[in-house]
PDB file of N, CA and C in Angstrom:
ATOM      1  N   MET A   1       0.849  -1.177   0.000  1.00  0.00           N
ATOM      2  CA  MET A   1       0.000   0.000   0.000  1.00  0.00           C
ATOM      3  C   MET A   1       0.896   1.242   0.000  1.00  0.00           C
ATOM      4  N   ALA A   2       0.591   2.176  -0.843  1.00  0.00           N
ATOM      5  CA  ALA A   2       1.343   3.424  -0.926  1.00  0.00           C
ATOM      6  C   ALA A   2       0.963   4.358   0.231  1.00  0.00           C
ATOM      7  N   ILE A   3       1.951   5.084   0.709  1.00  0.00           N
ATOM      8  CA  ILE A   3       1.734   6.031   1.805  1.00  0.00           C
ATOM      9  C   ILE A   3       1.810   7.439   1.237  1.00  0.00           C
ATOM     10  N   ASP A   4       0.801   8.248   1.522  1.00  0.00           N
ATOM     11  CA  ASP A   4       0.772   9.633   1.039  1.00  0.00           C
ATOM     12  C   ASP A   4       1.552  10.512   2.008  1.00  0.00           C
ATOM     13  N   TRP A   5       2.726  10.941   1.588  1.00  0.00           N
ATOM     14  CA  TRP A   5       3.609  11.751   2.411  1.00  0.00           C
ATOM     15  C   TRP A   5       3.481  13.235   2.088  1.00  0.00           C
ATOM     16  N   THR A   6       2.454  13.655   1.373  1.00  0.00           N
ATOM     17  CA  THR A   6       2.310  15.036   0.931  1.00  0.00           C
ATOM     18  C   THR A   6       2.359  16.023   2.095  1.00  0.00           C
ATOM     19  N   LYS A   7       1.570  15.788   3.125  1.00  0.00           N
ATOM     20  CA  LYS A   7       1.540  16.714   4.273  1.00  0.00           C
ATOM     21  C   LYS A   7       2.865  16.680   5.032  1.00  0.00           C
ATOM     22  N   ASN A   8       3.410  15.486   5.245  1.00  0.00           N
ATOM     23  CA  ASN A   8       4.682  15.380   5.950  1.00  0.00           C
ATOM     24  C   ASN A   8       5.817  16.005   5.148  1.00  0.00           C
ATOM     25  N   PHE A   9       5.779  15.903   3.827  1.00  0.00           N
ATOM     26  CA  PHE A   9       6.821  16.500   3.000  1.00  0.00           C
ATOM     27  C   PHE A   9       6.889  18.002   3.229  1.00  0.00           C
ATOM     28  N   LYS A  10       5.751  18.652   3.220  1.00  0.00           N
ATOM     29  CA  LYS A  10       5.728  20.111   3.404  1.00  0.00           C
ATOM     30  C   LYS A  10       6.314  20.509   4.760  1.00  0.00           C
ATOM     31  N   LYS A  11       6.025  19.738   5.781  1.00  0.00           N
ATOM     32  CA  LYS A  11       6.467  20.083   7.131  1.00  0.00           C
ATOM     33  C   LYS A  11       7.939  19.735   7.375  1.00  0.00           C
ATOM     34  N   TYR A  12       8.423  18.636   6.782  1.00  0.00           N
ATOM     35  CA  TYR A  12       9.746  18.122   7.120  1.00  0.00           C
ATOM     36  C   TYR A  12      10.750  18.163   5.959  1.00  0.00           C
ATOM     37  N   LYS A  13      10.456  18.853   4.869  1.00  0.00           N
ATOM     38  CA  LYS A  13      11.360  18.801   3.711  1.00  0.00           C
ATOM     39  C   LYS A  13      12.768  19.263   4.084  1.00  0.00           C
ATOM     40  N   GLY A  14      13.740  18.463   3.638  1.00  0.00           N
ATOM     41  CA  GLY A  14      15.138  18.742   3.907  1.00  0.00           C
ATOM     42  C   GLY A  14      15.643  18.272   5.263  1.00  0.00           C
ATOM     43  N   LEU A  15      14.774  17.672   6.080  1.00  0.00           N
ATOM     44  CA  LEU A  15      15.155  17.234   7.428  1.00  0.00           C
ATOM     45  C   LEU A  15      15.239  15.714   7.515  1.00  0.00           C
ATOM     46  N   TRP A  16      15.955  15.246   8.503  1.00  0.00           N
ATOM     47  CA  TRP A  16      15.933  13.834   8.865  1.00  0.00           C
ATOM     48  C   TRP A  16      14.746  13.614   9.794  1.00  0.00           C
ATOM     49  N   VAL A  17      14.070  12.491   9.630  1.00  0.00           N
ATOM     50  CA  VAL A  17      12.950  12.153  10.508  1.00  0.00           C
ATOM     51  C   VAL A  17      13.114  10.725  11.019  1.00  0.00           C
ATOM     52  N   ALA A  18      12.585  10.483  12.196  1.00  0.00           N
ATOM     53  CA  ALA A  18      12.499   9.142  12.768  1.00  0.00           C
ATOM     54  C   ALA A  18      11.032   8.753  12.720  1.00  0.00           C
ATOM     55  N   LEU A  19      10.764   7.582  12.155  1.00  0.00           N
ATOM     56  CA  LEU A  19       9.395   7.109  11.984  1.00  0.00           C
ATOM     57  C   LEU A  19       9.125   5.895  12.849  1.00  0.00           C
ATOM     58  N   LYS A  20       7.851   5.765  13.251  1.00  0.00           N
ATOM     59  CA  LYS A  20       7.413   4.531  13.908  1.00  0.00           C
ATOM     60  C   LYS A  20       7.374   3.426  12.845  1.00  0.00           C
ATOM     61  N   ASN A  21       7.119   2.203  13.267  1.00  0.00           N
ATOM     62  CA  ASN A  21       7.079   1.074  12.335  1.00  0.00           C
ATOM     63  C   ASN A  21       5.949   1.155  11.319  1.00  0.00           C
ATOM     64  N   ASP A  22       4.986   2.072  11.533  1.00  0.00           N
ATOM     65  CA  ASP A  22       3.914   2.224  10.538  1.00  0.00           C
ATOM     66  C   ASP A  22       4.410   2.977   9.301  1.00  0.00           C
ATOM     67  N   GLN A  23       5.667   3.431   9.322  1.00  0.00           N
ATOM     68  CA  GLN A  23       6.332   4.119   8.217  1.00  0.00           C
ATOM     69  C   GLN A  23       5.705   5.468   7.884  1.00  0.00           C
ATOM     70  N   PHE A  24       4.938   6.031   8.812  1.00  0.00           N
ATOM     71  CA  PHE A  24       4.285   7.307   8.560  1.00  0.00           C
ATOM     72  C   PHE A  24       4.386   8.267   9.747  1.00  0.00           C
ATOM     73  N   THR A  25       4.207   7.749  10.948  1.00  0.00           N
ATOM     74  CA  THR A  25       4.166   8.585  12.143  1.00  0.00           C
ATOM     75  C   THR A  25       5.568   9.076  12.503  1.00  0.00           C
ATOM     76  N   VAL A  26       5.755  10.397  12.486  1.00  0.00           N
ATOM     77  CA  VAL A  26       7.039  10.994  12.803  1.00  0.00           C
ATOM     78  C   VAL A  26       7.150  11.152  14.312  1.00  0.00           C
ATOM     79  N   VAL A  27       8.228  10.602  14.892  1.00  0.00           N
ATOM     80  CA  VAL A  27       8.437  10.722  16.335  1.00  0.00           C
ATOM     81  C   VAL A  27       9.513  11.753  16.665  1.00  0.00           C
ATOM     82  N   ALA A  28      10.357  12.104  15.673  1.00  0.00           N
ATOM     83  CA  ALA A  28      11.396  13.114  15.882  1.00  0.00           C
ATOM     84  C   ALA A  28      11.872  13.615  14.524  1.00  0.00           C
ATOM     85  N   SER A  29      12.395  14.840  14.507  1.00  0.00           N
ATOM     86  CA  SER A  29      12.959  15.389  13.276  1.00  0.00           C
ATOM     87  C   SER A  29      14.104  16.320  13.630  1.00  0.00           C
ATOM     88  N   GLY A  30      14.989  16.554  12.661  1.00  0.00           N
ATOM     89  CA  GLY A  30      16.111  17.441  12.898  1.00  0.00           C
ATOM     90  C   GLY A  30      17.065  17.476  11.726  1.00  0.00           C
ATOM     91  N   GLN A  31      18.163  18.222  11.898  1.00  0.00           N
ATOM     92  CA  GLN A  31      19.137  18.419  10.832  1.00  0.00           C
ATOM     93  C   GLN A  31      20.118  17.258  10.677  1.00  0.00           C
ATOM     94  N   SER A  32      20.317  16.470  11.740  1.00  0.00           N
ATOM     95  CA  SER A  32      21.292  15.376  11.649  1.00  0.00           C
ATOM     96  C   SER A  32      20.683  14.065  12.127  1.00  0.00           C
ATOM     97  N   VAL A  33      21.220  12.970  11.605  1.00  0.00           N
ATOM     98  CA  VAL A  33      20.758  11.640  12.000  1.00  0.00           C
ATOM     99  C   VAL A  33      20.994  11.426  13.494  1.00  0.00           C
ATOM    100  N   LYS A  34      22.155  11.860  13.968  1.00  0.00           N
ATOM    101  CA  LYS A  34      22.512  11.667  15.380  1.00  0.00           C
ATOM    102  C   LYS A  34      21.491  12.333  16.308  1.00  0.00           C
ATOM    103  N   ASP A  35      21.136  13.582  16.004  1.00  0.00           N
ATOM    104  CA  ASP A  35      20.162  14.303  16.837  1.00  0.00           C
ATOM    105  C   ASP A  35      18.782  13.643  16.792  1.00  0.00           C
ATOM    106  N   VAL A  36      18.371  13.243  15.609  1.00  0.00           N
ATOM    107  CA  VAL A  36      17.045  12.630  15.450  1.00  0.00           C
ATOM    108  C   VAL A  36      16.979  11.300  16.190  1.00  0.00           C
ATOM    109  N   LEU A  37      18.024  10.499  16.080  1.00  0.00           N
ATOM    110  CA  LEU A  37      18.044   9.213  16.773  1.00  0.00           C
ATOM    111  C   LEU A  37      18.009   9.407  18.285  1.00  0.00           C
ATOM    112  N   LEU A  38      18.756  10.374  18.789  1.00  0.00           N
ATOM    113  CA  LEU A  38      18.757  10.669  20.220  1.00  0.00           C
ATOM    114  C   LEU A  38      17.377  11.132  20.690  1.00  0.00           C
ATOM    115  N   LYS A  39      16.740  12.029  19.932  1.00  0.00           N
ATOM    116  CA  LYS A  39      15.394  12.502  20.282  1.00  0.00           C
ATOM    117  C   LYS A  39      14.400  11.347  20.305  1.00  0.00           C
ATOM    118  N   ALA A  40      14.475  10.475  19.289  1.00  0.00           N
ATOM    119  CA  ALA A  40      13.547   9.342  19.205  1.00  0.00           C
ATOM    120  C   ALA A  40      13.745   8.402  20.392  1.00  0.00           C
ATOM    121  N   LYS A  41      15.005   8.104  20.725  1.00  0.00           N
ATOM    122  CA  LYS A  41      15.278   7.212  21.856  1.00  0.00           C
ATOM    123  C   LYS A  41      14.805   7.826  23.167  1.00  0.00           C
ATOM    124  N   ASN A  42      14.940   9.136  23.321  1.00  0.00           N
ATOM    125  CA  ASN A  42      14.469   9.805  24.537  1.00  0.00           C
ATOM    126  C   ASN A  42      12.949   9.739  24.667  1.00  0.00           C
ATOM    127  N   LYS A  43      12.262   9.536  23.547  1.00  0.00           N
ATOM    128  CA  LYS A  43      10.805   9.402  23.562  1.00  0.00           C
ATOM    129  C   LYS A  43      10.372   7.939  23.631  1.00  0.00           C
ATOM    130  N   GLY A  44      11.334   7.024  23.824  1.00  0.00           N
ATOM    131  CA  GLY A  44      11.002   5.610  23.970  1.00  0.00           C
ATOM    132  C   GLY A  44      10.973   4.823  22.678  1.00  0.00           C
ATOM    133  N   ASN A  45      11.427   5.404  21.589  1.00  0.00           N
ATOM    134  CA  ASN A  45      11.461   4.714  20.299  1.00  0.00           C
ATOM    135  C   ASN A  45      12.905   4.288  20.022  1.00  0.00           C
ATOM    136  N   ASN A  46      13.255   3.087  20.474  1.00  0.00           N
ATOM    137  CA  ASN A  46      14.642   2.631  20.409  1.00  0.00           C
ATOM    138  C   ASN A  46      15.088   2.145  19.044  1.00  0.00           C
ATOM    139  N   ASP A  47      14.170   1.823  18.163  1.00  0.00           N
ATOM    140  CA  ASP A  47      14.535   1.302  16.845  1.00  0.00           C
ATOM    141  C   ASP A  47      13.678   1.963  15.754  1.00  0.00           C
ATOM    142  N   PRO A  48      13.778   3.294  15.602  1.00  0.00           N
ATOM    143  CA  PRO A  48      12.940   3.973  14.608  1.00  0.00           C
ATOM    144  C   PRO A  48      13.482   3.770  13.196  1.00  0.00           C
ATOM    145  N   ILE A  49      12.641   4.047  12.225  1.00  0.00           N
ATOM    146  CA  ILE A  49      13.060   4.079  10.832  1.00  0.00           C
ATOM    147  C   ILE A  49      13.569   5.496  10.574  1.00  0.00           C
ATOM    148  N   LEU A  50      14.810   5.621  10.115  1.00  0.00           N
ATOM    149  CA  LEU A  50      15.379   6.938   9.834  1.00  0.00           C
ATOM    150  C   LEU A  50      15.280   7.228   8.351  1.00  0.00           C
ATOM    151  N   PHE A  51      14.897   8.452   8.022  1.00  0.00           N
ATOM    152  CA  PHE A  51      14.631   8.823   6.630  1.00  0.00           C
ATOM    153  C   PHE A  51      14.919  10.299   6.444  1.00  0.00           C
ATOM    154  N   ARG A  52      15.611  10.651   5.367  1.00  0.00           N
ATOM    155  CA  ARG A  52      15.825  12.064   5.055  1.00  0.00           C
ATOM    156  C   ARG A  52      14.803  12.466   4.001  1.00  0.00           C
ATOM    157  N   VAL A  53      13.981  13.419   4.350  1.00  0.00           N
ATOM    158  CA  VAL A  53      12.949  13.911   3.435  1.00  0.00           C
ATOM    159  C   VAL A  53      13.639  14.816   2.411  1.00  0.00           C
ATOM    160  N   PRO A  54      13.440  14.569   1.118  1.00  0.00           N
ATOM    161  CA  PRO A  54      14.084  15.408   0.109  1.00  0.00           C
ATOM    162  C   PRO A  54      13.644  16.865   0.229  1.00  0.00           C
ATOM    163  N   SER A  55      14.511  17.782  -0.199  1.00  0.00           N
ATOM    164  CA  SER A  55      14.156  19.202  -0.142  1.00  0.00           C
ATOM    165  C   SER A  55      13.214  19.582  -1.268  1.00  0.00           C
ATOM    166  N   GLN A  56      13.155  18.755  -2.293  1.00  0.00           N
ATOM    167  CA  GLN A  56      12.178  18.963  -3.368  1.00  0.00           C
ATOM    168  C   GLN A  56      11.833  17.611  -3.994  1.00  0.00           C
ATOM    169  N   ILE A  57      10.654  17.539  -4.562  1.00  0.00           N
ATOM    170  CA  ILE A  57      10.218  16.303  -5.219  1.00  0.00           C
ATOM    171  C   ILE A  57      10.534  16.428  -6.699  1.00  0.00           C
ATOM    172  N   ILE A  58      11.336  15.474  -7.182  1.00  0.00           N
ATOM    173  CA  ILE A  58      11.704  15.461  -8.589  1.00  0.00           C
ATOM    174  C   ILE A  58      11.214  14.157  -9.192  1.00  0.00           C
ATOM    175  N   PRO A  59      10.335  14.227 -10.183  1.00  0.00           N
ATOM    176  CA  PRO A  59       9.835  12.997 -10.816  1.00  0.00           C
ATOM    177  C   PRO A  59      10.978  12.247 -11.496  1.00  0.00           C
ATOM    178  N   GLN A  60      10.919  10.933 -11.417  1.00  0.00           N
ATOM    179  CA  GLN A  60      11.947  10.104 -12.041  1.00  0.00           C
ATOM    180  C   GLN A  60      11.283   8.926 -12.714  1.00  0.00           C
ATOM    181  N   ILE A  61      11.744   8.621 -13.903  1.00  0.00           N
ATOM    182  CA  ILE A  61      11.224   7.485 -14.637  1.00  0.00           C
ATOM    183  C   ILE A  61      12.399   6.585 -14.998  1.00  0.00           C
ATOM    184  N   GLY A  62      12.290   5.300 -14.749  1.00  0.00           N
ATOM    185  CA  GLY A  62      13.349   4.365 -15.111  1.00  0.00           C
ATOM    186  C   GLY A  62      14.368   4.220 -14.007  1.00  0.00           C
ATOM    187  N   MET A  63      15.475   3.594 -14.382  1.00  0.00           N
ATOM    188  CA  MET A  63      16.535   3.299 -13.421  1.00  0.00           C
ATOM    189  C   MET A  63      17.525   4.448 -13.340  1.00  0.00           C
ATOM    190  N   ILE A  64      18.204   4.502 -12.201  1.00  0.00           N
ATOM    191  CA  ILE A  64      19.235   5.543 -12.011  1.00  0.00           C
ATOM    192  C   ILE A  64      20.549   5.001 -12.506  1.00  0.00           C
TER     193      ILE A  64
END
């Protein structure tokens, strides 16, 4: 199932985010992976999914 990240993209573009296992719920965000991981762990999320939200959405077709 595809996840609509449109609202989260606007709020977190260019930032690192820590996600719950549902791959959508943001538990922490920041400029660096280290800071985001620390924030997530302080909130009780010891194994979050880390993801850097692109600063802009660029359509891509085919392989890189």
